[in-house]
N, C-alpha and C. Protein backbone atom coordinates (compact mmCIF):
# COMPACT_ATOMS: atom_id res chain seq x y z
N MET A 1 -23.79 52.72 6.36
CA MET A 1 -23.30 51.79 6.58
C MET A 1 -22.00 51.86 6.40
N LYS A 2 -21.13 51.38 7.10
CA LYS A 2 -19.54 51.15 7.21
C LYS A 2 -19.20 49.90 6.30
N ILE A 3 -18.74 49.75 5.26
CA ILE A 3 -18.50 48.47 4.60
C ILE A 3 -16.58 48.64 4.50
N HIS A 4 -16.26 47.38 4.55
CA HIS A 4 -15.06 47.10 5.42
C HIS A 4 -14.47 45.87 4.25
N THR A 5 -12.96 46.15 3.45
CA THR A 5 -13.15 45.84 2.07
C THR A 5 -11.19 45.68 1.99
N GLN A 6 -10.72 44.72 1.69
CA GLN A 6 -9.28 44.56 1.42
C GLN A 6 -9.10 45.81 0.76
N PRO A 7 -7.72 46.06 0.81
CA PRO A 7 -7.19 47.38 -0.17
C PRO A 7 -6.57 46.57 -1.59
N ASP A 8 -6.63 45.43 -1.63
CA ASP A 8 -6.74 45.12 -3.09
C ASP A 8 -7.44 44.83 -3.88
N GLN A 9 -8.98 45.37 -3.51
CA GLN A 9 -10.37 44.54 -3.98
C GLN A 9 -10.96 45.72 -4.13
N LEU A 10 -10.26 47.61 -2.87
CA LEU A 10 -10.44 48.36 -3.69
C LEU A 10 -11.12 48.47 -5.06
N GLY A 11 -10.55 48.32 -6.13
CA GLY A 11 -10.13 48.85 -7.91
C GLY A 11 -11.73 48.09 -8.05
N GLY A 12 -12.80 46.81 -7.21
CA GLY A 12 -13.49 46.39 -7.85
C GLY A 12 -13.00 45.45 -9.22
N VAL A 13 -13.84 44.74 -9.98
CA VAL A 13 -13.66 43.36 -11.23
C VAL A 13 -14.73 44.77 -12.46
N TRP A 14 -13.58 44.23 -13.68
CA TRP A 14 -14.65 44.52 -14.64
C TRP A 14 -15.33 42.95 -15.30
N ALA A 15 -16.63 43.84 -15.47
CA ALA A 15 -17.84 42.44 -15.49
C ALA A 15 -18.07 43.02 -17.70
N ASN A 16 -18.36 41.68 -18.34
CA ASN A 16 -19.39 42.53 -18.72
C ASN A 16 -20.06 41.46 -19.82
N ALA A 17 -20.47 40.72 -19.11
CA ALA A 17 -20.91 39.60 -19.33
C ALA A 17 -21.61 38.41 -17.33
N ALA A 18 -22.48 37.70 -18.06
CA ALA A 18 -23.02 37.92 -16.33
C ALA A 18 -23.59 36.05 -16.56
N ALA A 19 -23.55 35.12 -16.06
CA ALA A 19 -23.86 33.63 -16.50
C ALA A 19 -24.88 33.71 -14.75
N VAL A 20 -26.25 33.81 -15.35
CA VAL A 20 -27.30 32.96 -13.78
C VAL A 20 -27.93 31.73 -13.67
N ARG A 21 -27.51 30.67 -12.31
CA ARG A 21 -28.07 29.30 -12.29
C ARG A 21 -29.61 30.02 -11.00
N HIS A 22 -29.98 28.74 -11.26
CA HIS A 22 -30.63 28.91 -9.53
C HIS A 22 -31.19 27.46 -9.29
N SER A 23 -30.99 26.84 -7.58
CA SER A 23 -31.54 25.65 -7.33
C SER A 23 -32.93 25.90 -6.22
N PRO A 24 -33.29 25.25 -5.84
CA PRO A 24 -34.59 25.74 -5.04
C PRO A 24 -34.59 26.74 -3.96
N HIS A 25 -32.91 26.28 -3.36
CA HIS A 25 -32.84 27.36 -2.40
C HIS A 25 -31.07 28.85 -2.72
N GLU A 26 -30.71 28.77 -3.51
CA GLU A 26 -30.17 29.26 -3.97
C GLU A 26 -30.11 30.31 -5.29
N PHE A 27 -29.72 30.87 -5.69
CA PHE A 27 -29.16 31.74 -7.32
C PHE A 27 -27.58 32.06 -6.82
N THR A 28 -27.38 31.25 -8.42
CA THR A 28 -25.76 32.05 -8.69
C THR A 28 -25.31 32.41 -9.96
N ILE A 29 -24.68 34.26 -9.88
CA ILE A 29 -24.23 35.27 -10.98
C ILE A 29 -22.71 34.54 -10.64
N ASP A 30 -22.65 34.49 -12.59
CA ASP A 30 -21.27 34.16 -13.02
C ASP A 30 -20.53 35.62 -13.35
N PHE A 31 -19.85 36.85 -12.94
CA PHE A 31 -19.84 37.80 -13.57
C PHE A 31 -18.17 37.57 -14.13
N LEU A 32 -18.25 37.33 -15.97
CA LEU A 32 -17.31 37.25 -16.28
C LEU A 32 -16.93 38.26 -17.31
N ARG A 33 -15.39 38.18 -17.68
CA ARG A 33 -14.99 39.20 -18.52
C ARG A 33 -14.93 38.62 -19.97
N CYS A 34 -15.42 39.20 -21.16
CA CYS A 34 -15.24 37.88 -21.80
C CYS A 34 -14.11 38.95 -23.31
N ASP A 35 -13.63 38.15 -24.00
CA ASP A 35 -13.24 38.88 -24.94
C ASP A 35 -13.36 38.27 -26.20
N PHE A 36 -13.53 39.50 -27.29
CA PHE A 36 -14.44 39.23 -28.28
C PHE A 36 -13.37 38.98 -29.89
N ASP A 37 -13.93 38.64 -30.61
CA ASP A 37 -13.21 38.52 -32.10
C ASP A 37 -13.88 40.05 -32.39
N ASP A 38 -13.34 39.91 -34.26
CA ASP A 38 -13.81 40.76 -35.16
C ASP A 38 -15.47 40.84 -35.04
N SER A 39 -15.46 39.56 -35.44
CA SER A 39 -17.40 39.93 -35.88
C SER A 39 -17.84 39.69 -34.28
N GLY A 40 -17.55 39.97 -33.14
CA GLY A 40 -18.37 40.43 -32.15
C GLY A 40 -18.67 39.40 -31.26
N GLN A 41 -17.92 37.66 -31.89
CA GLN A 41 -18.68 36.69 -30.63
C GLN A 41 -17.39 36.63 -29.43
N ALA A 42 -18.23 35.72 -28.78
CA ALA A 42 -16.82 36.16 -27.34
C ALA A 42 -15.82 34.63 -27.43
N VAL A 43 -14.64 35.09 -27.36
CA VAL A 43 -14.21 33.63 -27.70
C VAL A 43 -13.21 33.54 -26.31
N ASN A 44 -13.03 34.16 -24.92
CA ASN A 44 -12.29 34.03 -24.03
C ASN A 44 -13.86 34.07 -23.25
N ALA A 45 -13.93 33.57 -22.02
CA ALA A 45 -14.10 34.36 -20.73
C ALA A 45 -13.44 34.05 -19.39
N ILE A 46 -13.67 35.03 -18.12
CA ILE A 46 -12.35 34.86 -17.68
C ILE A 46 -13.44 35.02 -16.29
N LEU A 47 -14.24 33.80 -15.34
CA LEU A 47 -14.68 34.47 -14.14
C LEU A 47 -14.26 35.87 -13.06
N VAL A 48 -14.58 36.63 -12.82
CA VAL A 48 -13.86 37.94 -12.19
C VAL A 48 -14.69 37.76 -10.41
N GLN A 49 -16.02 36.96 -10.18
CA GLN A 49 -16.29 36.62 -8.89
C GLN A 49 -17.75 35.91 -9.56
N ARG A 50 -18.02 34.80 -8.25
CA ARG A 50 -19.02 34.67 -8.38
C ARG A 50 -19.58 35.05 -7.15
N VAL A 51 -21.23 34.93 -7.38
CA VAL A 51 -21.83 35.74 -5.93
C VAL A 51 -23.23 34.77 -6.10
N ASN A 52 -23.26 33.93 -4.72
CA ASN A 52 -24.37 33.13 -3.82
C ASN A 52 -25.22 33.75 -3.40
N MET A 53 -26.55 33.58 -3.86
CA MET A 53 -27.25 34.92 -2.61
C MET A 53 -28.66 33.72 -2.85
N SER A 54 -29.67 34.21 -1.45
CA SER A 54 -31.06 33.89 -1.77
C SER A 54 -31.83 34.28 -2.56
N PRO A 55 -32.89 33.66 -2.79
CA PRO A 55 -34.35 34.17 -3.86
C PRO A 55 -34.68 35.62 -3.18
N LEU A 56 -35.15 35.98 -1.61
CA LEU A 56 -35.76 36.64 -1.24
C LEU A 56 -34.59 37.89 -1.68
N PHE A 57 -33.39 37.56 -2.06
CA PHE A 57 -31.92 38.97 -2.03
C PHE A 57 -32.22 39.04 -3.51
N VAL A 58 -32.49 37.75 -3.86
CA VAL A 58 -32.15 38.22 -5.30
C VAL A 58 -33.45 39.78 -5.97
N SER A 59 -34.43 39.27 -5.42
CA SER A 59 -35.78 40.21 -5.14
C SER A 59 -35.44 41.15 -5.46
N GLN A 60 -34.80 41.60 -4.02
CA GLN A 60 -34.05 43.10 -3.51
C GLN A 60 -33.06 43.61 -4.60
N LEU A 61 -32.34 42.59 -4.96
CA LEU A 61 -31.13 43.15 -5.93
C LEU A 61 -32.45 43.92 -6.74
N ILE A 62 -32.87 43.08 -7.20
CA ILE A 62 -33.89 43.22 -8.66
C ILE A 62 -34.39 44.50 -8.60
N ALA A 63 -35.46 44.26 -7.39
CA ALA A 63 -36.10 46.15 -7.24
C ALA A 63 -34.96 47.36 -7.24
N ALA A 64 -33.69 47.20 -6.60
CA ALA A 64 -32.55 47.88 -6.62
C ALA A 64 -32.21 48.21 -7.67
N LEU A 65 -32.01 47.10 -8.77
CA LEU A 65 -31.52 47.70 -9.95
C LEU A 65 -32.47 48.11 -11.07
N GLN A 66 -34.27 48.20 -10.83
CA GLN A 66 -34.76 48.61 -11.61
C GLN A 66 -35.11 50.34 -11.00
N ASP A 67 -34.85 50.22 -9.34
CA ASP A 67 -35.03 52.06 -9.22
C ASP A 67 -33.82 52.51 -9.06
N ASN A 68 -32.20 51.86 -9.31
CA ASN A 68 -31.12 52.64 -10.06
C ASN A 68 -31.02 52.93 -11.68
N TRP A 69 -30.93 51.93 -12.25
CA TRP A 69 -31.72 52.27 -13.73
C TRP A 69 -32.39 53.42 -13.97
N SER A 70 -34.09 53.59 -13.63
CA SER A 70 -34.49 54.27 -13.85
C SER A 70 -33.87 55.64 -13.20
N LYS A 71 -33.56 56.19 -12.04
CA LYS A 71 -32.96 57.14 -11.99
C LYS A 71 -31.96 57.48 -12.51
N TYR A 72 -31.28 56.71 -13.41
CA TYR A 72 -29.93 57.17 -14.13
C TYR A 72 -30.59 57.36 -15.46
N ALA A 73 -31.51 56.44 -16.29
CA ALA A 73 -31.78 57.15 -17.81
C ALA A 73 -32.44 58.23 -17.63
N THR A 74 -33.26 58.39 -16.90
CA THR A 74 -33.46 60.28 -16.41
C THR A 74 -33.03 61.08 -16.82
N LYS A 75 -31.82 61.16 -15.44
CA LYS A 75 -30.35 61.41 -15.85
C LYS A 75 -29.27 61.01 -16.75
N ALA A 76 -29.26 60.46 -17.50
CA ALA A 76 -28.29 60.56 -18.54
C ALA A 76 -28.99 60.22 -19.91
N LEU A 77 -30.03 59.32 -19.71
CA LEU A 77 -30.31 59.07 -21.46
C LEU A 77 -31.04 60.37 -22.11
N PRO A 78 -31.10 61.00 -23.23
CA PRO A 78 -31.70 61.68 -23.92
C PRO A 78 -33.48 61.33 -24.09
N LYS A 79 -34.28 62.48 -23.66
CA LYS A 79 -35.50 62.29 -23.01
C LYS A 79 -36.38 61.34 -24.80
N ASP A 80 -35.43 61.78 -25.22
CA ASP A 80 -36.69 61.06 -27.09
C ASP A 80 -36.39 59.86 -26.78
N ILE A 81 -35.24 58.51 -26.42
CA ILE A 81 -34.94 57.61 -26.27
C ILE A 81 -34.74 56.78 -25.18
N ALA A 82 -34.93 57.96 -23.90
CA ALA A 82 -35.42 57.47 -22.73
C ALA A 82 -36.49 56.03 -22.38
N ALA A 83 -37.58 56.05 -23.18
CA ALA A 83 -38.44 55.18 -23.25
C ALA A 83 -38.57 53.90 -23.83
N ASP A 84 -37.13 54.08 -24.58
CA ASP A 84 -36.20 52.83 -25.01
C ASP A 84 -36.38 51.73 -24.56
N PHE A 85 -35.55 52.11 -23.51
CA PHE A 85 -34.27 51.75 -22.70
C PHE A 85 -34.82 51.12 -21.09
N GLU A 86 -36.55 51.56 -20.46
CA GLU A 86 -37.20 51.48 -19.59
C GLU A 86 -36.97 49.37 -19.61
N ILE A 87 -36.94 49.58 -18.55
CA ILE A 87 -36.85 48.23 -17.83
C ILE A 87 -38.52 48.30 -16.81
N GLU A 88 -39.02 46.91 -17.56
CA GLU A 88 -40.53 46.68 -17.07
C GLU A 88 -40.01 45.49 -15.80
N PRO A 89 -40.81 45.77 -14.92
CA PRO A 89 -41.14 44.57 -13.87
C PRO A 89 -41.89 43.76 -14.48
N PRO A 90 -41.41 42.59 -13.91
CA PRO A 90 -42.32 41.19 -14.54
C PRO A 90 -43.15 41.09 -14.70
N PRO A 91 -43.88 40.05 -14.87
CA PRO A 91 -45.78 40.33 -14.01
C PRO A 91 -45.52 39.23 -13.44
N SER A 92 -46.44 40.22 -12.53
CA SER A 92 -46.57 39.41 -10.76
C SER A 92 -47.31 37.87 -10.99
N GLY A 93 -48.22 37.76 -11.58
CA GLY A 93 -48.12 36.39 -11.46
C GLY A 93 -49.43 36.49 -10.63
N ASP A 94 -50.26 37.37 -10.73
CA ASP A 94 -51.66 37.47 -10.05
C ASP A 94 -52.82 37.02 -11.39
N ASP A 95 -52.16 37.20 -12.40
CA ASP A 95 -53.94 36.99 -13.22
C ASP A 95 -54.37 35.85 -13.78
């Protein structure tokens, strides 16, 4: 897939926090850049991007993040701690 973007968006944005909300029809994720004080408490947050998406896309995004995290952790994390960083899929609710 070829992705087109404006030149000023090529650098992306930095986010170190997110706020997630949902309605019956969509999810909204606000990506934030937070500043922290000396004790580690967030003192300021700037909204760097807001993304609205369908519930179907959210489920696809979760699956893609789990897959990519697993690949990253396998390569980047020491083997003796990689299991501590595994992301478990949510329960299916079929019980």
